[in-house]
Amino acid sequence: MMANGWKTPQEIMKDYGLEKSAFAERKRDCIANPEYRDAIVQDGRKMTYIIEERWQAYLRYRSEQYRIRMLDPHIRKSTAN
């Protein structure tokens, strides 16, 4: 890990127990989300770093979205307001 809290994709995959395909899918989703895209720092095609604090915020967001999707539809409707 770099002194500034940035990690390489390989470090993130190892630390979070992610396969390459799972990481790639989450990375694409994170970049597509304007709120969390700053978690991924890309300097060209081969240099990528992950700002772990922002990555964790993105994972919390993902977890909350999953929880909402899994709620009973009647409960989900009332939480949307």
C-alpha atoms as a PDB file:
ATOM      1  CA  MET A   1       0.000   0.000   0.000  1.00  0.00           C
ATOM      2  CA  MET A   2       1.164   3.490  -0.778  1.00  0.00           C
ATOM      3  CA  ALA A   3       1.567   5.982   2.064  1.00  0.00           C
ATOM      4  CA  ASN A   4      -1.509   7.889   0.904  1.00  0.00           C
ATOM      5  CA  GLY A   5      -3.867   4.900   1.316  1.00  0.00           C
ATOM      6  CA  TRP A   6      -3.942   3.988  -2.357  1.00  0.00           C
ATOM      7  CA  LYS A   7      -3.711   0.331  -3.314  1.00  0.00           C
ATOM      8  CA  THR A   8      -3.168  -1.564  -6.513  1.00  0.00           C
ATOM      9  CA  PRO A   9      -5.987  -3.712  -7.901  1.00  0.00           C
ATOM     10  CA  GLN A  10      -3.976  -6.789  -6.902  1.00  0.00           C
ATOM     11  CA  GLU A  11      -3.815  -5.595  -3.286  1.00  0.00           C
ATOM     12  CA  ILE A  12      -7.555  -4.900  -3.237  1.00  0.00           C
ATOM     13  CA  MET A  13      -8.344  -8.318  -4.732  1.00  0.00           C
ATOM     14  CA  LYS A  14      -6.159 -10.019  -2.131  1.00  0.00           C
ATOM     15  CA  ASP A  15      -7.410  -7.978   0.844  1.00  0.00           C
ATOM     16  CA  TYR A  16     -11.092  -8.317  -0.082  1.00  0.00           C
ATOM     17  CA  GLY A  17     -10.947 -11.889  -1.381  1.00  0.00           C
ATOM     18  CA  LEU A  18     -12.085 -10.937  -4.880  1.00  0.00           C
ATOM     19  CA  GLU A  19     -11.462 -12.873  -8.060  1.00  0.00           C
ATOM     20  CA  LYS A  20     -10.249 -10.836 -11.032  1.00  0.00           C
ATOM     21  CA  SER A  21     -13.667 -10.989 -12.747  1.00  0.00           C
ATOM     22  CA  ALA A  22     -15.531  -9.899  -9.588  1.00  0.00           C
ATOM     23  CA  PHE A  23     -13.129  -6.997  -9.085  1.00  0.00           C
ATOM     24  CA  ALA A  24     -13.458  -5.954 -12.747  1.00  0.00           C
ATOM     25  CA  GLU A  25     -17.255  -5.921 -12.488  1.00  0.00           C
ATOM     26  CA  ARG A  26     -17.193  -3.835  -9.296  1.00  0.00           C
ATOM     27  CA  LYS A  27     -14.579  -1.496 -10.760  1.00  0.00           C
ATOM     28  CA  ARG A  28     -16.754  -0.875 -13.863  1.00  0.00           C
ATOM     29  CA  ASP A  29     -19.791  -0.259 -11.675  1.00  0.00           C
ATOM     30  CA  CYS A  30     -17.819   2.071  -9.398  1.00  0.00           C
ATOM     31  CA  ILE A  31     -16.496   4.113 -12.337  1.00  0.00           C
ATOM     32  CA  ALA A  32     -20.021   4.382 -13.770  1.00  0.00           C
ATOM     33  CA  ASN A  33     -21.319   5.836 -10.503  1.00  0.00           C
ATOM     34  CA  PRO A  34     -20.639   9.612 -10.340  1.00  0.00           C
ATOM     35  CA  GLU A  35     -20.736   9.525  -6.533  1.00  0.00           C
ATOM     36  CA  TYR A  36     -17.909   6.990  -6.200  1.00  0.00           C
ATOM     37  CA  ARG A  37     -15.877   7.108  -9.424  1.00  0.00           C
ATOM     38  CA  ASP A  38     -13.128   9.015  -7.620  1.00  0.00           C
ATOM     39  CA  ALA A  39     -12.251   5.742  -5.829  1.00  0.00           C
ATOM     40  CA  ILE A  40     -10.536   4.580  -9.031  1.00  0.00           C
ATOM     41  CA  VAL A  41      -7.426   6.459 -10.175  1.00  0.00           C
ATOM     42  CA  GLN A  42      -6.330   5.565 -13.691  1.00  0.00           C
ATOM     43  CA  ASP A  43      -3.134   6.916 -15.179  1.00  0.00           C
ATOM     44  CA  GLY A  44      -3.310   5.481 -18.640  1.00  0.00           C
ATOM     45  CA  ARG A  45      -4.437   1.983 -19.542  1.00  0.00           C
ATOM     46  CA  LYS A  46      -2.098   0.030 -17.284  1.00  0.00           C
ATOM     47  CA  MET A  47      -1.692   2.130 -14.143  1.00  0.00           C
ATOM     48  CA  THR A  48      -4.659   1.873 -11.800  1.00  0.00           C
ATOM     49  CA  TYR A  49      -4.873   2.625  -8.111  1.00  0.00           C
ATOM     50  CA  ILE A  50      -7.749   2.320  -5.689  1.00  0.00           C
ATOM     51  CA  ILE A  51      -8.340   4.876  -2.946  1.00  0.00           C
ATOM     52  CA  GLU A  52      -9.365   2.407  -0.277  1.00  0.00           C
ATOM     53  CA  GLU A  53     -11.443   4.802   1.839  1.00  0.00           C
ATOM     54  CA  ARG A  54     -13.591   5.697  -1.188  1.00  0.00           C
ATOM     55  CA  TRP A  55     -13.696   2.030  -2.302  1.00  0.00           C
ATOM     56  CA  GLN A  56     -15.111   1.117   1.107  1.00  0.00           C
ATOM     57  CA  ALA A  57     -17.734   3.862   0.786  1.00  0.00           C
ATOM     58  CA  TYR A  58     -18.686   2.424  -2.602  1.00  0.00           C
ATOM     59  CA  LEU A  59     -18.960  -1.084  -1.102  1.00  0.00           C
ATOM     60  CA  ARG A  60     -21.233   0.254   1.664  1.00  0.00           C
ATOM     61  CA  TYR A  61     -23.412   1.888  -1.016  1.00  0.00           C
ATOM     62  CA  ARG A  62     -23.509  -1.412  -2.937  1.00  0.00           C
ATOM     63  CA  SER A  63     -24.478  -3.269   0.211  1.00  0.00           C
ATOM     64  CA  GLU A  64     -27.319  -0.838   0.902  1.00  0.00           C
ATOM     65  CA  GLN A  65     -28.601  -1.162  -2.673  1.00  0.00           C
ATOM     66  CA  TYR A  66     -28.563  -4.959  -2.316  1.00  0.00           C
ATOM     67  CA  ARG A  67     -30.448  -4.734   0.990  1.00  0.00           C
ATOM     68  CA  ILE A  68     -33.122  -2.551  -0.611  1.00  0.00           C
ATOM     69  CA  ARG A  69     -33.508  -4.948  -3.555  1.00  0.00           C
ATOM     70  CA  MET A  70     -33.922  -7.889  -1.182  1.00  0.00           C
ATOM     71  CA  LEU A  71     -36.635  -6.252   0.930  1.00  0.00           C
ATOM     72  CA  ASP A  72     -40.216  -7.375   0.674  1.00  0.00           C
ATOM     73  CA  PRO A  73     -41.793  -5.275  -2.137  1.00  0.00           C
ATOM     74  CA  HIS A  74     -44.299  -3.711   0.291  1.00  0.00           C
ATOM     75  CA  ILE A  75     -41.522  -2.551   2.614  1.00  0.00           C
ATOM     76  CA  ARG A  76     -39.363  -1.415  -0.315  1.00  0.00           C
ATOM     77  CA  LYS A  77     -42.194   0.824  -1.550  1.00  0.00           C
ATOM     78  CA  SER A  78     -42.449   2.602   1.815  1.00  0.00           C
ATOM     79  CA  THR A  79     -38.667   3.169   2.066  1.00  0.00           C
ATOM     80  CA  ALA A  80     -38.541   4.808  -1.376  1.00  0.00           C
ATOM     81  CA  ASN A  81     -40.320   7.903  -0.038  1.00  0.00           C
END
